[in-house]
Amino acid sequence: MAIMNTNDPAEGMAAIGARAKDAAAQVVPLGKQVGTSAVQGVQSAWDWAAPPVADAVQTARDWAAPRAADAVRSAREWAAPQLDDAADTVTSSVAPKVSSALHSAARYVEPDQRGKSGLRALLDWRVLLGLGTALAAAGAAAAVAMRRRYASATAAAENATMDGPEDDAPAGDAEPHSEVNGQVVTPGS
């Protein structure tokens, strides 16, 4: 039987579309039914398999738990004396050697204990620092004293030039005085 019984292409396409709709209308409910059946099958398989699997897991756990605990306990019973023996061996053989090496290194690094005397005591950094501080303080004091002396001499010279010579005093009665440069000058000479 042919799909198309007519020579008109439009009628033929309509017929094919109608047949596809009919086929889909039959297949969709069938697909839903298959899906539902598959879900039900998986659920029933789970219901059937879960109790035996859970029982098998519990049985394996019950069988393995004491054996694992015994194995751990046996391993710990064996390891404890081994660790004690190793600790004793290290304490008696390696530790004295390490201790001796550390004492030797400490004696090598330690500076001489003898005191410094003579020139070495004078060149100690603390002595040199104190001496430098004292010299700096003395230099600062000298600078301040020189600055004050210069300021007073400058002020005295300025006062002398501001007042000017007095005409009332006779030339022979004037007293000698010092100039800014430190020379003593007698008036009239």
N, C-alpha and C. Protein backbone atom coordinates (compact mmCIF):
# COMPACT_ATOMS: atom_id res chain seq x y z
N MET A 1 0.83 -1.15 0.00
CA MET A 1 0.00 0.00 0.00
C MET A 1 0.88 1.22 0.00
N ALA A 2 0.54 2.18 -0.83
CA ALA A 2 1.34 3.40 -0.97
C ALA A 2 0.89 4.40 0.04
N ILE A 3 1.80 5.27 0.39
CA ILE A 3 1.50 6.32 1.35
C ILE A 3 0.52 7.30 0.73
N MET A 4 0.72 7.63 -0.52
CA MET A 4 -0.11 8.61 -1.19
C MET A 4 -0.95 7.93 -2.26
N ASN A 5 -2.30 8.13 -2.25
CA ASN A 5 -3.19 7.57 -3.25
C ASN A 5 -3.59 8.61 -4.28
N THR A 6 -3.05 9.78 -4.21
CA THR A 6 -3.45 10.85 -5.11
C THR A 6 -2.23 11.43 -5.81
N ASN A 7 -2.51 12.14 -6.90
CA ASN A 7 -1.42 12.77 -7.62
C ASN A 7 -1.21 14.23 -7.21
N ASP A 8 -2.07 14.73 -6.38
CA ASP A 8 -1.96 16.12 -5.95
C ASP A 8 -0.98 16.19 -4.76
N PRO A 9 0.10 16.97 -4.93
CA PRO A 9 1.09 17.01 -3.84
C PRO A 9 0.55 17.63 -2.56
N ALA A 10 -0.32 18.59 -2.62
CA ALA A 10 -0.84 19.24 -1.42
C ALA A 10 -1.69 18.25 -0.63
N GLU A 11 -2.53 17.47 -1.35
CA GLU A 11 -3.33 16.47 -0.66
C GLU A 11 -2.45 15.40 -0.06
N GLY A 12 -1.40 15.04 -0.75
CA GLY A 12 -0.47 14.02 -0.28
C GLY A 12 0.22 14.46 1.00
N MET A 13 0.62 15.72 1.07
CA MET A 13 1.31 16.24 2.26
C MET A 13 0.34 16.29 3.44
N ALA A 14 -0.90 16.64 3.15
CA ALA A 14 -1.90 16.69 4.22
C ALA A 14 -2.15 15.29 4.76
N ALA A 15 -2.15 14.31 3.87
CA ALA A 15 -2.38 12.93 4.28
C ALA A 15 -1.22 12.44 5.15
N ILE A 16 -0.01 12.79 4.75
CA ILE A 16 1.16 12.38 5.53
C ILE A 16 1.11 13.02 6.91
N GLY A 17 0.75 14.30 6.98
CA GLY A 17 0.66 14.99 8.27
C GLY A 17 -0.39 14.34 9.15
N ALA A 18 -1.51 13.95 8.56
CA ALA A 18 -2.58 13.34 9.34
C ALA A 18 -2.13 12.00 9.89
N ARG A 19 -1.47 11.22 9.06
CA ARG A 19 -0.98 9.91 9.53
C ARG A 19 0.07 10.09 10.64
N ALA A 20 0.96 11.14 10.54
CA ALA A 20 1.97 11.38 11.58
C ALA A 20 1.31 11.74 12.89
N LYS A 21 0.24 12.54 12.81
CA LYS A 21 -0.48 12.92 14.04
C LYS A 21 -1.10 11.69 14.68
N ASP A 22 -1.69 10.81 13.83
CA ASP A 22 -2.30 9.59 14.37
C ASP A 22 -1.25 8.70 15.03
N ALA A 23 -0.10 8.59 14.39
CA ALA A 23 0.97 7.74 14.95
C ALA A 23 1.46 8.34 16.26
N ALA A 24 1.62 9.68 16.32
CA ALA A 24 2.08 10.34 17.54
C ALA A 24 1.05 10.17 18.64
N ALA A 25 -0.24 10.25 18.28
CA ALA A 25 -1.30 10.10 19.27
C ALA A 25 -1.28 8.71 19.87
N GLN A 26 -0.85 7.70 19.11
CA GLN A 26 -0.78 6.34 19.63
C GLN A 26 0.51 6.13 20.42
N VAL A 27 1.63 6.77 19.99
CA VAL A 27 2.94 6.53 20.61
C VAL A 27 3.09 7.27 21.94
N VAL A 28 2.58 8.49 22.05
CA VAL A 28 2.78 9.28 23.28
C VAL A 28 2.20 8.57 24.49
N PRO A 29 0.99 8.10 24.47
CA PRO A 29 0.50 7.37 25.66
C PRO A 29 1.30 6.11 25.92
N LEU A 30 1.72 5.45 24.85
CA LEU A 30 2.54 4.25 25.00
C LEU A 30 3.87 4.59 25.66
N GLY A 31 4.50 5.73 25.29
CA GLY A 31 5.77 6.17 25.90
C GLY A 31 5.59 6.50 27.36
N LYS A 32 4.45 7.13 27.69
CA LYS A 32 4.18 7.45 29.10
C LYS A 32 4.03 6.18 29.90
N GLN A 33 3.35 5.22 29.31
CA GLN A 33 3.15 3.95 30.00
C GLN A 33 4.48 3.23 30.21
N VAL A 34 5.37 3.28 29.21
CA VAL A 34 6.68 2.64 29.33
C VAL A 34 7.50 3.33 30.41
N GLY A 35 7.47 4.66 30.46
CA GLY A 35 8.22 5.40 31.48
C GLY A 35 7.73 5.06 32.87
N THR A 36 6.41 5.01 33.02
CA THR A 36 5.84 4.68 34.32
C THR A 36 6.22 3.26 34.72
N SER A 37 6.18 2.36 33.76
CA SER A 37 6.56 0.97 34.03
C SER A 37 8.03 0.89 34.43
N ALA A 38 8.88 1.67 33.77
CA ALA A 38 10.31 1.65 34.09
C ALA A 38 10.54 2.15 35.51
N VAL A 39 9.87 3.25 35.90
CA VAL A 39 10.03 3.79 37.25
C VAL A 39 9.54 2.77 38.28
N GLN A 40 8.41 2.13 37.97
CA GLN A 40 7.89 1.13 38.89
C GLN A 40 8.84 -0.07 38.99
N GLY A 41 9.46 -0.43 37.86
CA GLY A 41 10.40 -1.55 37.86
C GLY A 41 11.63 -1.23 38.70
N VAL A 42 12.12 -0.01 38.58
CA VAL A 42 13.30 0.38 39.36
C VAL A 42 12.94 0.41 40.84
N GLN A 43 11.74 0.91 41.15
CA GLN A 43 11.31 0.98 42.55
C GLN A 43 11.17 -0.42 43.13
N SER A 44 10.59 -1.31 42.37
CA SER A 44 10.44 -2.66 42.89
C SER A 44 11.80 -3.36 43.00
N ALA A 45 12.71 -3.08 42.08
CA ALA A 45 14.06 -3.66 42.19
C ALA A 45 14.76 -3.12 43.44
N TRP A 46 14.57 -1.84 43.70
CA TRP A 46 15.17 -1.23 44.90
C TRP A 46 14.56 -1.87 46.15
N ASP A 47 13.25 -2.01 46.13
CA ASP A 47 12.58 -2.62 47.29
C ASP A 47 13.03 -4.05 47.49
N TRP A 48 13.28 -4.75 46.41
CA TRP A 48 13.75 -6.13 46.50
C TRP A 48 15.20 -6.21 46.93
N ALA A 49 16.08 -5.29 46.38
CA ALA A 49 17.52 -5.38 46.61
C ALA A 49 17.97 -4.68 47.89
N ALA A 50 17.28 -3.66 48.34
CA ALA A 50 17.75 -2.86 49.48
C ALA A 50 17.90 -3.68 50.75
N PRO A 51 16.94 -4.46 51.16
CA PRO A 51 17.13 -5.21 52.41
C PRO A 51 18.29 -6.21 52.35
N PRO A 52 18.42 -6.98 51.27
CA PRO A 52 19.57 -7.90 51.26
C PRO A 52 20.92 -7.15 51.22
N VAL A 53 20.97 -6.02 50.50
CA VAL A 53 22.23 -5.26 50.44
C VAL A 53 22.52 -4.66 51.81
N ALA A 54 21.52 -4.11 52.46
CA ALA A 54 21.72 -3.54 53.80
C ALA A 54 22.15 -4.63 54.77
N ASP A 55 21.54 -5.81 54.66
CA ASP A 55 21.95 -6.92 55.53
C ASP A 55 23.38 -7.33 55.25
N ALA A 56 23.75 -7.36 53.97
CA ALA A 56 25.12 -7.75 53.61
C ALA A 56 26.12 -6.72 54.14
N VAL A 57 25.78 -5.45 54.02
CA VAL A 57 26.68 -4.40 54.52
C VAL A 57 26.80 -4.51 56.03
N GLN A 58 25.71 -4.71 56.73
CA GLN A 58 25.75 -4.84 58.19
C GLN A 58 26.56 -6.06 58.60
N THR A 59 26.39 -7.16 57.88
CA THR A 59 27.15 -8.37 58.18
C THR A 59 28.64 -8.14 57.97
N ALA A 60 28.97 -7.47 56.87
CA ALA A 60 30.39 -7.18 56.60
C ALA A 60 30.95 -6.26 57.67
N ARG A 61 30.17 -5.28 58.10
CA ARG A 61 30.62 -4.36 59.14
C ARG A 61 30.83 -5.12 60.45
N ASP A 62 29.86 -5.97 60.78
CA ASP A 62 29.97 -6.74 62.01
C ASP A 62 31.17 -7.68 61.98
N TRP A 63 31.47 -8.22 60.82
CA TRP A 63 32.61 -9.12 60.69
C TRP A 63 33.92 -8.35 60.73
N ALA A 64 33.99 -7.17 60.04
CA ALA A 64 35.26 -6.45 59.88
C ALA A 64 35.62 -5.59 61.09
N ALA A 65 34.65 -5.04 61.80
CA ALA A 65 34.93 -4.10 62.89
C ALA A 65 35.82 -4.71 63.97
N PRO A 66 35.50 -5.87 64.50
CA PRO A 66 36.39 -6.42 65.54
C PRO A 66 37.76 -6.80 64.99
N ARG A 67 37.78 -7.27 63.76
CA ARG A 67 39.07 -7.65 63.17
C ARG A 67 39.96 -6.40 62.97
N ALA A 68 39.34 -5.29 62.52
CA ALA A 68 40.11 -4.06 62.34
C ALA A 68 40.59 -3.53 63.68
N ALA A 69 39.73 -3.58 64.69
CA ALA A 69 40.13 -3.13 66.02
C ALA A 69 41.27 -4.00 66.56
N ASP A 70 41.18 -5.31 66.35
CA ASP A 70 42.25 -6.20 66.79
C ASP A 70 43.55 -5.91 66.04
N ALA A 71 43.44 -5.63 64.75
CA ALA A 71 44.64 -5.34 63.96
C ALA A 71 45.30 -4.04 64.44
N VAL A 72 44.49 -3.02 64.73
CA VAL A 72 45.04 -1.75 65.23
C VAL A 72 45.69 -1.96 66.59
N ARG A 73 45.00 -2.72 67.46
CA ARG A 73 45.57 -2.98 68.78
C ARG A 73 46.89 -3.75 68.67
N SER A 74 46.94 -4.74 67.78
CA SER A 74 48.17 -5.52 67.59
C SER A 74 49.29 -4.63 67.08
N ALA A 75 48.97 -3.75 66.14
CA ALA A 75 50.00 -2.85 65.60
C ALA A 75 50.51 -1.91 66.68
N ARG A 76 49.62 -1.42 67.54
CA ARG A 76 50.04 -0.53 68.62
C ARG A 76 50.88 -1.28 69.65
N GLU A 77 50.48 -2.54 69.95
CA GLU A 77 51.25 -3.34 70.90
C GLU A 77 52.66 -3.60 70.37
N TRP A 78 52.81 -3.77 69.07
CA TRP A 78 54.13 -3.99 68.49
C TRP A 78 54.93 -2.69 68.42
N ALA A 79 54.27 -1.58 68.07
CA ALA A 79 54.98 -0.32 67.85
C ALA A 79 55.47 0.31 69.15
N ALA A 80 54.74 0.17 70.24
CA ALA A 80 55.12 0.84 71.49
C ALA A 80 56.51 0.41 71.98
N PRO A 81 56.81 -0.87 72.06
CA PRO A 81 58.17 -1.24 72.50
C PRO A 81 59.25 -0.84 71.49
N GLN A 82 58.88 -0.87 70.21
CA GLN A 82 59.85 -0.46 69.19
C GLN A 82 60.23 1.01 69.39
N LEU A 83 59.23 1.85 69.65
CA LEU A 83 59.50 3.27 69.89
C LEU A 83 60.30 3.48 71.16
N ASP A 84 59.99 2.72 72.21
CA ASP A 84 60.78 2.83 73.45
C ASP A 84 62.23 2.45 73.22
N ASP A 85 62.46 1.37 72.49
CA ASP A 85 63.83 0.95 72.19
C ASP A 85 64.56 2.01 71.37
N ALA A 86 63.88 2.59 70.40
CA ALA A 86 64.51 3.63 69.57
C ALA A 86 64.85 4.84 70.42
N ALA A 87 63.96 5.22 71.33
CA ALA A 87 64.22 6.37 72.20
C ALA A 87 65.42 6.09 73.10
N ASP A 88 65.51 4.87 73.65
CA ASP A 88 66.64 4.52 74.50
C ASP A 88 67.95 4.54 73.70
N THR A 89 67.91 4.05 72.48
CA THR A 89 69.10 4.03 71.64
C THR A 89 69.56 5.45 71.33
N VAL A 90 68.63 6.33 70.99
CA VAL A 90 69.00 7.72 70.70
C VAL A 90 69.55 8.39 71.93
N THR A 91 68.93 8.14 73.08
CA THR A 91 69.39 8.77 74.33
C THR A 91 70.79 8.30 74.69
N SER A 92 71.07 7.03 74.49
CA SER A 92 72.37 6.51 74.93
C SER A 92 73.48 6.69 73.89
N SER A 93 73.15 6.77 72.62
CA SER A 93 74.23 6.86 71.63
C SER A 93 74.30 8.19 70.90
N VAL A 94 73.20 8.67 70.43
CA VAL A 94 73.22 9.90 69.62
C VAL A 94 73.21 11.15 70.49
N ALA A 95 72.40 11.15 71.54
CA ALA A 95 72.26 12.35 72.36
C ALA A 95 73.58 12.80 72.98
N PRO A 96 74.41 11.89 73.53
CA PRO A 96 75.69 12.37 74.07
C PRO A 96 76.58 12.98 72.99
N LYS A 97 76.53 12.43 71.80
CA LYS A 97 77.35 12.99 70.72
C LYS A 97 76.85 14.37 70.34
N VAL A 98 75.54 14.53 70.24
CA VAL A 98 74.97 15.84 69.92
C VAL A 98 75.28 16.83 71.03
N SER A 99 75.13 16.39 72.27
CA SER A 99 75.43 17.26 73.41
C SER A 99 76.89 17.68 73.41
N SER A 100 77.78 16.74 73.15
CA SER A 100 79.21 17.05 73.11
C SER A 100 79.52 18.03 71.99
N ALA A 101 78.90 17.84 70.83
CA ALA A 101 79.13 18.76 69.71
C ALA A 101 78.64 20.15 70.05
N LEU A 102 77.49 20.26 70.72
CA LEU A 102 76.97 21.57 71.09
C LEU A 102 77.86 22.25 72.13
N HIS A 103 78.37 21.48 73.10
CA HIS A 103 79.29 22.07 74.08
C HIS A 103 80.57 22.55 73.41
N SER A 104 81.07 21.78 72.47
CA SER A 104 82.28 22.17 71.74
C SER A 104 82.04 23.45 70.95
N ALA A 105 80.91 23.53 70.30
CA ALA A 105 80.58 24.73 69.52
C ALA A 105 80.45 25.94 70.44
N ALA A 106 79.87 25.75 71.62
CA ALA A 106 79.71 26.86 72.56
C ALA A 106 81.07 27.36 73.03
N ARG A 107 82.00 26.44 73.32
CA ARG A 107 83.36 26.86 73.74
C ARG A 107 84.09 27.57 72.61
N TYR A 108 83.83 27.14 71.37
CA TYR A 108 84.49 27.76 70.23
C TYR A 108 83.97 29.18 69.99
N VAL A 109 82.68 29.38 70.18
CA VAL A 109 82.06 30.67 69.91
C VAL A 109 82.28 31.66 71.04
N GLU A 110 82.40 31.16 72.27
CA GLU A 110 82.52 32.04 73.43
C GLU A 110 83.79 32.89 73.35
N PRO A 111 83.68 34.20 73.61
CA PRO A 111 84.87 35.07 73.56
C PRO A 111 85.77 34.83 74.78
N ASP A 112 86.99 35.32 74.68
CA ASP A 112 87.93 35.20 75.79
C ASP A 112 87.39 35.93 77.00
N GLN A 113 87.62 35.38 78.19
CA GLN A 113 87.10 35.98 79.40
C GLN A 113 88.11 36.92 80.07
N ARG A 114 89.30 36.99 79.56
CA ARG A 114 90.30 37.86 80.21
C ARG A 114 89.92 39.32 80.01
N GLY A 115 90.24 40.14 81.00
CA GLY A 115 89.88 41.56 80.95
C GLY A 115 90.85 42.33 80.06
N LYS A 116 90.38 43.44 79.57
CA LYS A 116 91.21 44.28 78.72
C LYS A 116 92.04 45.20 79.61
N SER A 117 93.24 45.44 79.19
CA SER A 117 94.09 46.33 79.97
C SER A 117 94.93 47.18 79.02
N GLY A 118 95.43 48.27 79.52
CA GLY A 118 96.31 49.14 78.73
C GLY A 118 95.58 49.80 77.59
N LEU A 119 96.21 49.75 76.42
CA LEU A 119 95.69 50.42 75.23
C LEU A 119 94.35 49.83 74.79
N ARG A 120 94.16 48.52 74.96
CA ARG A 120 92.89 47.89 74.57
C ARG A 120 91.74 48.42 75.41
N ALA A 121 91.98 48.70 76.69
CA ALA A 121 90.93 49.26 77.53
C ALA A 121 90.61 50.69 77.10
N LEU A 122 91.63 51.44 76.68
CA LEU A 122 91.40 52.81 76.23
C LEU A 122 90.64 52.85 74.90
N LEU A 123 90.85 51.84 74.09
CA LEU A 123 90.20 51.82 72.78
C LEU A 123 88.83 51.14 72.81
N ASP A 124 88.36 50.82 74.01
CA ASP A 124 87.02 50.25 74.13
C ASP A 124 86.01 51.27 73.63
N TRP A 125 84.98 50.83 72.98
CA TRP A 125 84.03 51.76 72.35
C TRP A 125 83.29 52.62 73.36
N ARG A 126 83.08 52.08 74.56
CA ARG A 126 82.37 52.88 75.57
C ARG A 126 83.23 54.04 76.04
N VAL A 127 84.53 53.79 76.19
CA VAL A 127 85.44 54.85 76.62
C VAL A 127 85.55 55.91 75.53
N LEU A 128 85.68 55.43 74.29
CA LEU A 128 85.79 56.38 73.18
C LEU A 128 84.50 57.19 73.02
N LEU A 129 83.37 56.59 73.24
CA LEU A 129 82.10 57.31 73.15
C LEU A 129 82.00 58.37 74.24
N GLY A 130 82.38 58.03 75.45
CA GLY A 130 82.36 59.01 76.54
C GLY A 130 83.32 60.15 76.30
N LEU A 131 84.52 59.84 75.82
CA LEU A 131 85.50 60.87 75.52
C LEU A 131 85.00 61.78 74.41
N GLY A 132 84.40 61.23 73.39
CA GLY A 132 83.86 62.03 72.29
C GLY A 132 82.74 62.94 72.77
N THR A 133 81.89 62.44 73.65
CA THR A 133 80.80 63.25 74.19
C THR A 133 81.35 64.41 75.01
N ALA A 134 82.37 64.13 75.84
CA ALA A 134 82.96 65.19 76.66
C ALA A 134 83.61 66.26 75.78
N LEU A 135 84.32 65.84 74.73
CA LEU A 135 84.95 66.81 73.83
C LEU A 135 83.90 67.64 73.08
N ALA A 136 82.81 67.02 72.69
CA ALA A 136 81.75 67.75 72.01
C ALA A 136 81.11 68.78 72.93
N ALA A 137 80.91 68.42 74.19
CA ALA A 137 80.33 69.36 75.15
C ALA A 137 81.29 70.53 75.41
N ALA A 138 82.59 70.23 75.51
CA ALA A 138 83.58 71.30 75.73
C ALA A 138 83.64 72.23 74.52
N GLY A 139 83.57 71.69 73.33
CA GLY A 139 83.59 72.51 72.11
C GLY A 139 82.35 73.39 72.04
N ALA A 140 81.19 72.85 72.41
CA ALA A 140 79.96 73.64 72.39
C ALA A 140 80.03 74.77 73.40
N ALA A 141 80.57 74.49 74.59
CA ALA A 141 80.70 75.53 75.61
C ALA A 141 81.65 76.62 75.15
N ALA A 142 82.76 76.25 74.51
CA ALA A 142 83.72 77.24 74.00
C ALA A 142 83.07 78.08 72.90
N ALA A 143 82.29 77.46 72.04
CA ALA A 143 81.63 78.21 70.97
C ALA A 143 80.63 79.21 71.54
N VAL A 144 79.90 78.82 72.57
CA VAL A 144 78.94 79.74 73.19
C VAL A 144 79.66 80.89 73.85
N ALA A 145 80.78 80.61 74.54
CA ALA A 145 81.53 81.67 75.21
C ALA A 145 82.11 82.65 74.19
N MET A 146 82.63 82.13 73.08
CA MET A 146 83.20 83.01 72.05
C MET A 146 82.10 83.85 71.42
N ARG A 147 80.94 83.29 71.21
CA ARG A 147 79.83 84.03 70.62
C ARG A 147 79.38 85.17 71.53
N ARG A 148 79.32 84.88 72.84
CA ARG A 148 78.95 85.93 73.80
C ARG A 148 80.00 87.04 73.85
N ARG A 149 81.28 86.66 73.85
CA ARG A 149 82.35 87.66 73.89
C ARG A 149 82.30 88.53 72.65
N TYR A 150 82.06 87.92 71.49
CA TYR A 150 81.99 88.68 70.24
C TYR A 150 80.81 89.63 70.28
N ALA A 151 79.64 89.15 70.79
CA ALA A 151 78.45 89.98 70.85
C ALA A 151 78.67 91.17 71.79
N SER A 152 79.32 90.97 72.95
CA SER A 152 79.55 92.07 73.87
C SER A 152 80.56 93.06 73.32
N ALA A 153 81.58 92.58 72.63
CA ALA A 153 82.58 93.47 72.04
C ALA A 153 81.96 94.29 70.92
N THR A 154 81.09 93.66 70.11
CA THR A 154 80.42 94.36 69.02
C THR A 154 79.49 95.43 69.59
N ALA A 155 78.79 95.10 70.65
CA ALA A 155 77.89 96.07 71.28
C ALA A 155 78.67 97.23 71.87
N ALA A 156 79.80 96.97 72.49
CA ALA A 156 80.63 98.03 73.07
C ALA A 156 81.17 98.94 71.99
N ALA A 157 81.60 98.37 70.87
CA ALA A 157 82.14 99.18 69.79
C ALA A 157 81.04 100.02 69.16
N GLU A 158 79.86 99.48 69.05
CA GLU A 158 78.76 100.22 68.48
C GLU A 158 78.37 101.39 69.39
N ASN A 159 78.37 101.12 70.67
CA ASN A 159 78.07 102.19 71.62
C ASN A 159 79.12 103.30 71.56
N ALA A 160 80.38 102.92 71.38
CA ALA A 160 81.46 103.91 71.34
C ALA A 160 81.34 104.77 70.10
N THR A 161 80.96 104.21 68.98
CA THR A 161 80.84 105.01 67.76
C THR A 161 79.58 105.85 67.76
N MET A 162 78.55 105.43 68.44
CA MET A 162 77.32 106.20 68.50
C MET A 162 77.45 107.45 69.37
N ASP A 163 78.13 107.29 70.49
CA ASP A 163 78.27 108.42 71.42
C ASP A 163 79.15 109.50 70.82
N GLY A 164 80.18 109.12 70.17
CA GLY A 164 81.12 110.08 69.56
C GLY A 164 82.06 110.69 70.61
N PRO A 165 83.09 111.41 70.18
CA PRO A 165 84.02 112.00 71.15
C PRO A 165 83.38 113.24 71.78
N GLU A 166 83.67 113.47 73.02
CA GLU A 166 83.14 114.63 73.73
C GLU A 166 84.15 115.78 73.60
N ASP A 167 83.65 116.92 73.22
CA ASP A 167 84.53 118.07 73.02
C ASP A 167 84.85 118.78 74.33
N ASP A 168 84.09 118.54 75.35
CA ASP A 168 84.28 119.24 76.61
C ASP A 168 85.51 118.73 77.35
N ALA A 169 85.86 117.49 77.16
CA ALA A 169 86.98 116.91 77.92
C ALA A 169 88.29 117.31 77.29
N PRO A 170 89.27 117.68 78.11
CA PRO A 170 90.60 117.98 77.57
C PRO A 170 91.24 116.70 77.05
N ALA A 171 92.13 116.88 76.09
CA ALA A 171 92.76 115.74 75.43
C ALA A 171 93.65 114.97 76.36
N GLY A 172 94.23 115.56 77.33
CA GLY A 172 95.15 114.87 78.21
C GLY A 172 94.47 114.08 79.28
N ASP A 173 93.21 114.39 79.54
CA ASP A 173 92.52 113.70 80.63
C ASP A 173 91.82 112.43 80.16
N ALA A 174 91.82 112.12 78.90
CA ALA A 174 91.10 110.94 78.39
C ALA A 174 91.81 109.66 78.83
N GLU A 175 91.03 108.69 79.09
CA GLU A 175 91.58 107.40 79.52
C GLU A 175 91.76 106.49 78.31
N PRO A 176 92.75 105.64 78.39
CA PRO A 176 92.92 104.67 77.29
C PRO A 176 91.76 103.65 77.30
N HIS A 177 91.39 103.16 76.12
CA HIS A 177 90.33 102.15 76.00
C HIS A 177 90.72 101.15 74.91
N SER A 178 90.01 100.04 74.90
CA SER A 178 90.34 99.01 73.91
C SER A 178 89.40 99.10 72.73
N GLU A 179 89.91 98.76 71.57
CA GLU A 179 89.13 98.77 70.33
C GLU A 179 88.53 97.37 70.12
N VAL A 180 87.74 97.25 69.04
CA VAL A 180 87.11 95.98 68.71
C VAL A 180 88.15 94.91 68.40
N ASN A 181 89.25 95.30 67.80
CA ASN A 181 90.28 94.33 67.44
C ASN A 181 91.17 93.95 68.61
N GLY A 182 90.88 94.51 69.82
CA GLY A 182 91.61 94.11 70.99
C GLY A 182 92.78 95.01 71.32
N GLN A 183 93.11 96.03 70.51
CA GLN A 183 94.23 96.93 70.78
C GLN A 183 93.79 98.04 71.72
N VAL A 184 94.71 98.40 72.60
CA VAL A 184 94.43 99.49 73.54
C VAL A 184 94.88 100.80 72.89
N VAL A 185 93.97 101.78 72.89
CA VAL A 185 94.25 103.04 72.23
C VAL A 185 94.10 104.16 73.27
N THR A 186 95.06 105.05 73.25
CA THR A 186 94.97 106.23 74.11
C THR A 186 94.48 107.37 73.25
N PRO A 187 93.46 108.12 73.67
CA PRO A 187 92.96 109.19 72.84
C PRO A 187 94.00 110.28 72.68
N GLY A 188 94.05 110.84 71.48
CA GLY A 188 94.98 111.91 71.16
C GLY A 188 96.31 111.42 70.69
N SER A 189 96.53 110.20 70.64
CA SER A 189 97.83 109.76 70.19
C SER A 189 97.80 109.23 68.80
